[in-house]
Amino acid sequence: MSVVPTSVPTGTRIWLAAGVTDMRKGFTGLGALVLVTLARN
């Protein structure tokens, strides 16, 4: 595994979730899934 240094502005919130991801949905489909999941919470 490699580490890539990056600059993230102070106060930026990053959310990570471990689990299986179906990349066949593409980024549009995955983004929609995130919005639906966040709306439930």
PDB file of N, CA and C in Angstrom:
ATOM      1  N   MET A   1       0.852  -1.174   0.000  1.00  0.00           N
ATOM      2  CA  MET A   1       0.000   0.000   0.000  1.00  0.00           C
ATOM      3  C   MET A   1       0.893   1.231   0.000  1.00  0.00           C
ATOM      4  N   SER A   2       0.524   2.223  -0.778  1.00  0.00           N
ATOM      5  CA  SER A   2       1.293   3.460  -0.813  1.00  0.00           C
ATOM      6  C   SER A   2       0.493   4.587  -0.177  1.00  0.00           C
ATOM      7  N   VAL A   3       1.200   5.561   0.308  1.00  0.00           N
ATOM      8  CA  VAL A   3       0.575   6.728   0.932  1.00  0.00           C
ATOM      9  C   VAL A   3       0.842   7.931   0.036  1.00  0.00           C
ATOM     10  N   VAL A   4      -0.217   8.659  -0.274  1.00  0.00           N
ATOM     11  CA  VAL A   4      -0.092   9.844  -1.118  1.00  0.00           C
ATOM     12  C   VAL A   4      -0.379  11.065  -0.261  1.00  0.00           C
ATOM     13  N   PRO A   5       0.613  11.942  -0.096  1.00  0.00           N
ATOM     14  CA  PRO A   5       0.355  13.149   0.702  1.00  0.00           C
ATOM     15  C   PRO A   5      -0.646  14.053  -0.010  1.00  0.00           C
ATOM     16  N   THR A   6      -1.528  14.622   0.755  1.00  0.00           N
ATOM     17  CA  THR A   6      -2.530  15.513   0.184  1.00  0.00           C
ATOM     18  C   THR A   6      -2.805  16.648   1.162  1.00  0.00           C
ATOM     19  N   SER A   7      -3.321  17.709   0.653  1.00  0.00           N
ATOM     20  CA  SER A   7      -3.649  18.857   1.482  1.00  0.00           C
ATOM     21  C   SER A   7      -5.165  18.973   1.570  1.00  0.00           C
ATOM     22  N   VAL A   8      -5.680  18.892   2.782  1.00  0.00           N
ATOM     23  CA  VAL A   8      -7.119  19.001   3.014  1.00  0.00           C
ATOM     24  C   VAL A   8      -7.347  20.217   3.903  1.00  0.00           C
ATOM     25  N   PRO A   9      -8.251  21.098   3.513  1.00  0.00           N
ATOM     26  CA  PRO A   9      -8.503  22.294   4.323  1.00  0.00           C
ATOM     27  C   PRO A   9      -8.936  21.949   5.751  1.00  0.00           C
ATOM     28  N   THR A  10      -8.530  22.759   6.696  1.00  0.00           N
ATOM     29  CA  THR A  10      -8.927  22.587   8.085  1.00  0.00           C
ATOM     30  C   THR A  10     -10.447  22.611   8.190  1.00  0.00           C
ATOM     31  N   GLY A  11     -10.996  21.722   8.986  1.00  0.00           N
ATOM     32  CA  GLY A  11     -12.441  21.672   9.178  1.00  0.00           C
ATOM     33  C   GLY A  11     -13.160  20.768   8.193  1.00  0.00           C
ATOM     34  N   THR A  12     -12.433  20.223   7.227  1.00  0.00           N
ATOM     35  CA  THR A  12     -13.050  19.318   6.258  1.00  0.00           C
ATOM     36  C   THR A  12     -13.379  18.000   6.944  1.00  0.00           C
ATOM     37  N   ARG A  13     -14.588  17.535   6.760  1.00  0.00           N
ATOM     38  CA  ARG A  13     -15.000  16.257   7.345  1.00  0.00           C
ATOM     39  C   ARG A  13     -14.933  15.185   6.274  1.00  0.00           C
ATOM     40  N   ILE A  14     -14.297  14.083   6.603  1.00  0.00           N
ATOM     41  CA  ILE A  14     -14.165  12.962   5.682  1.00  0.00           C
ATOM     42  C   ILE A  14     -14.813  11.751   6.326  1.00  0.00           C
ATOM     43  N   TRP A  15     -15.732  11.134   5.608  1.00  0.00           N
ATOM     44  CA  TRP A  15     -16.451   9.973   6.112  1.00  0.00           C
ATOM     45  C   TRP A  15     -15.965   8.736   5.362  1.00  0.00           C
ATOM     46  N   LEU A  16     -15.663   7.689   6.093  1.00  0.00           N
ATOM     47  CA  LEU A  16     -15.226   6.432   5.497  1.00  0.00           C
ATOM     48  C   LEU A  16     -16.168   5.324   5.928  1.00  0.00           C
ATOM     49  N   ALA A  17     -16.403   4.410   5.037  1.00  0.00           N
ATOM     50  CA  ALA A  17     -17.226   3.249   5.367  1.00  0.00           C
ATOM     51  C   ALA A  17     -16.553   2.009   4.809  1.00  0.00           C
ATOM     52  N   ALA A  18     -16.449   0.998   5.636  1.00  0.00           N
ATOM     53  CA  ALA A  18     -15.859  -0.265   5.183  1.00  0.00           C
ATOM     54  C   ALA A  18     -16.983  -1.192   4.741  1.00  0.00           C
ATOM     55  N   GLY A  19     -16.759  -1.870   3.679  1.00  0.00           N
ATOM     56  CA  GLY A  19     -17.766  -2.807   3.201  1.00  0.00           C
ATOM     57  C   GLY A  19     -17.627  -3.026   1.712  1.00  0.00           C
ATOM     58  N   VAL A  20     -18.500  -3.824   1.193  1.00  0.00           N
ATOM     59  CA  VAL A  20     -18.485  -4.148  -0.223  1.00  0.00           C
ATOM     60  C   VAL A  20     -19.099  -2.997  -1.013  1.00  0.00           C
ATOM     61  N   THR A  21     -18.473  -2.635  -2.109  1.00  0.00           N
ATOM     62  CA  THR A  21     -18.977  -1.569  -2.971  1.00  0.00           C
ATOM     63  C   THR A  21     -19.171  -2.112  -4.376  1.00  0.00           C
ATOM     64  N   ASP A  22     -20.352  -1.925  -4.925  1.00  0.00           N
ATOM     65  CA  ASP A  22     -20.655  -2.380  -6.279  1.00  0.00           C
ATOM     66  C   ASP A  22     -20.304  -1.260  -7.250  1.00  0.00           C
ATOM     67  N   MET A  23     -19.119  -1.334  -7.839  1.00  0.00           N
ATOM     68  CA  MET A  23     -18.655  -0.263  -8.724  1.00  0.00           C
ATOM     69  C   MET A  23     -19.372  -0.258 -10.070  1.00  0.00           C
ATOM     70  N   ARG A  24     -20.229  -1.238 -10.320  1.00  0.00           N
ATOM     71  CA  ARG A  24     -21.005  -1.227 -11.562  1.00  0.00           C
ATOM     72  C   ARG A  24     -21.994  -0.068 -11.584  1.00  0.00           C
ATOM     73  N   LYS A  25     -22.305   0.478 -10.411  1.00  0.00           N
ATOM     74  CA  LYS A  25     -23.243   1.596 -10.326  1.00  0.00           C
ATOM     75  C   LYS A  25     -22.629   2.888 -10.861  1.00  0.00           C
ATOM     76  N   GLY A  26     -21.309   2.960 -10.938  1.00  0.00           N
ATOM     77  CA  GLY A  26     -20.636   4.183 -11.358  1.00  0.00           C
ATOM     78  C   GLY A  26     -20.713   5.220 -10.243  1.00  0.00           C
ATOM     79  N   PHE A  27     -20.040   6.319 -10.435  1.00  0.00           N
ATOM     80  CA  PHE A  27     -20.008   7.343  -9.391  1.00  0.00           C
ATOM     81  C   PHE A  27     -21.356   8.027  -9.206  1.00  0.00           C
ATOM     82  N   THR A  28     -22.127   8.145 -10.261  1.00  0.00           N
ATOM     83  CA  THR A  28     -23.458   8.753 -10.142  1.00  0.00           C
ATOM     84  C   THR A  28     -24.360   7.883  -9.280  1.00  0.00           C
ATOM     85  N   GLY A  29     -24.367   6.587  -9.546  1.00  0.00           N
ATOM     86  CA  GLY A  29     -25.189   5.662  -8.765  1.00  0.00           C
ATOM     87  C   GLY A  29     -24.734   5.569  -7.322  1.00  0.00           C
ATOM     88  N   LEU A  30     -23.417   5.554  -7.107  1.00  0.00           N
ATOM     89  CA  LEU A  30     -22.897   5.497  -5.742  1.00  0.00           C
ATOM     90  C   LEU A  30     -23.214   6.783  -4.983  1.00  0.00           C
ATOM     91  N   GLY A  31     -23.137   7.917  -5.673  1.00  0.00           N
ATOM     92  CA  GLY A  31     -23.489   9.191  -5.045  1.00  0.00           C
ATOM     93  C   GLY A  31     -24.950   9.225  -4.630  1.00  0.00           C
ATOM     94  N   ALA A  32     -25.821   8.681  -5.481  1.00  0.00           N
ATOM     95  CA  ALA A  32     -27.254   8.614  -5.153  1.00  0.00           C
ATOM     96  C   ALA A  32     -27.476   7.713  -3.946  1.00  0.00           C
ATOM     97  N   LEU A  33     -26.742   6.605  -3.880  1.00  0.00           N
ATOM     98  CA  LEU A  33     -26.858   5.691  -2.742  1.00  0.00           C
ATOM     99  C   LEU A  33     -26.431   6.377  -1.445  1.00  0.00           C
ATOM    100  N   VAL A  34     -25.384   7.171  -1.508  1.00  0.00           N
ATOM    101  CA  VAL A  34     -24.927   7.926  -0.335  1.00  0.00           C
ATOM    102  C   VAL A  34     -26.002   8.908   0.117  1.00  0.00           C
ATOM    103  N   LEU A  35     -26.592   9.637  -0.822  1.00  0.00           N
ATOM    104  CA  LEU A  35     -27.633  10.611  -0.466  1.00  0.00           C
ATOM    105  C   LEU A  35     -28.833   9.940   0.185  1.00  0.00           C
ATOM    106  N   VAL A  36     -29.252   8.801  -0.343  1.00  0.00           N
ATOM    107  CA  VAL A  36     -30.391   8.071   0.227  1.00  0.00           C
ATOM    108  C   VAL A  36     -30.054   7.590   1.634  1.00  0.00           C
ATOM    109  N   THR A  37     -28.852   7.054   1.806  1.00  0.00           N
ATOM    110  CA  THR A  37     -28.442   6.548   3.119  1.00  0.00           C
ATOM    111  C   THR A  37     -28.353   7.674   4.140  1.00  0.00           C
ATOM    112  N   LEU A  38     -27.783   8.812   3.746  1.00  0.00           N
ATOM    113  CA  LEU A  38     -27.681   9.941   4.673  1.00  0.00           C
ATOM    114  C   LEU A  38     -29.054  10.510   5.013  1.00  0.00           C
ATOM    115  N   ALA A  39     -29.984  10.488   4.074  1.00  0.00           N
ATOM    116  CA  ALA A  39     -31.334  10.999   4.328  1.00  0.00           C
ATOM    117  C   ALA A  39     -32.053  10.145   5.367  1.00  0.00           C
ATOM    118  N   ARG A  40     -31.738   8.856   5.406  1.00  0.00           N
ATOM    119  CA  ARG A  40     -32.358   7.954   6.392  1.00  0.00           C
ATOM    120  C   ARG A  40     -31.871   8.253   7.797  1.00  0.00           C
ATOM    121  N   ASN A  41     -30.647   8.748   7.912  1.00  0.00           N
ATOM    122  CA  ASN A  41     -30.059   9.012   9.230  1.00  0.00           C
ATOM    123  C   ASN A  41     -30.359  10.430   9.581  1.00  0.00           C
TER     124      ASN A  41
END
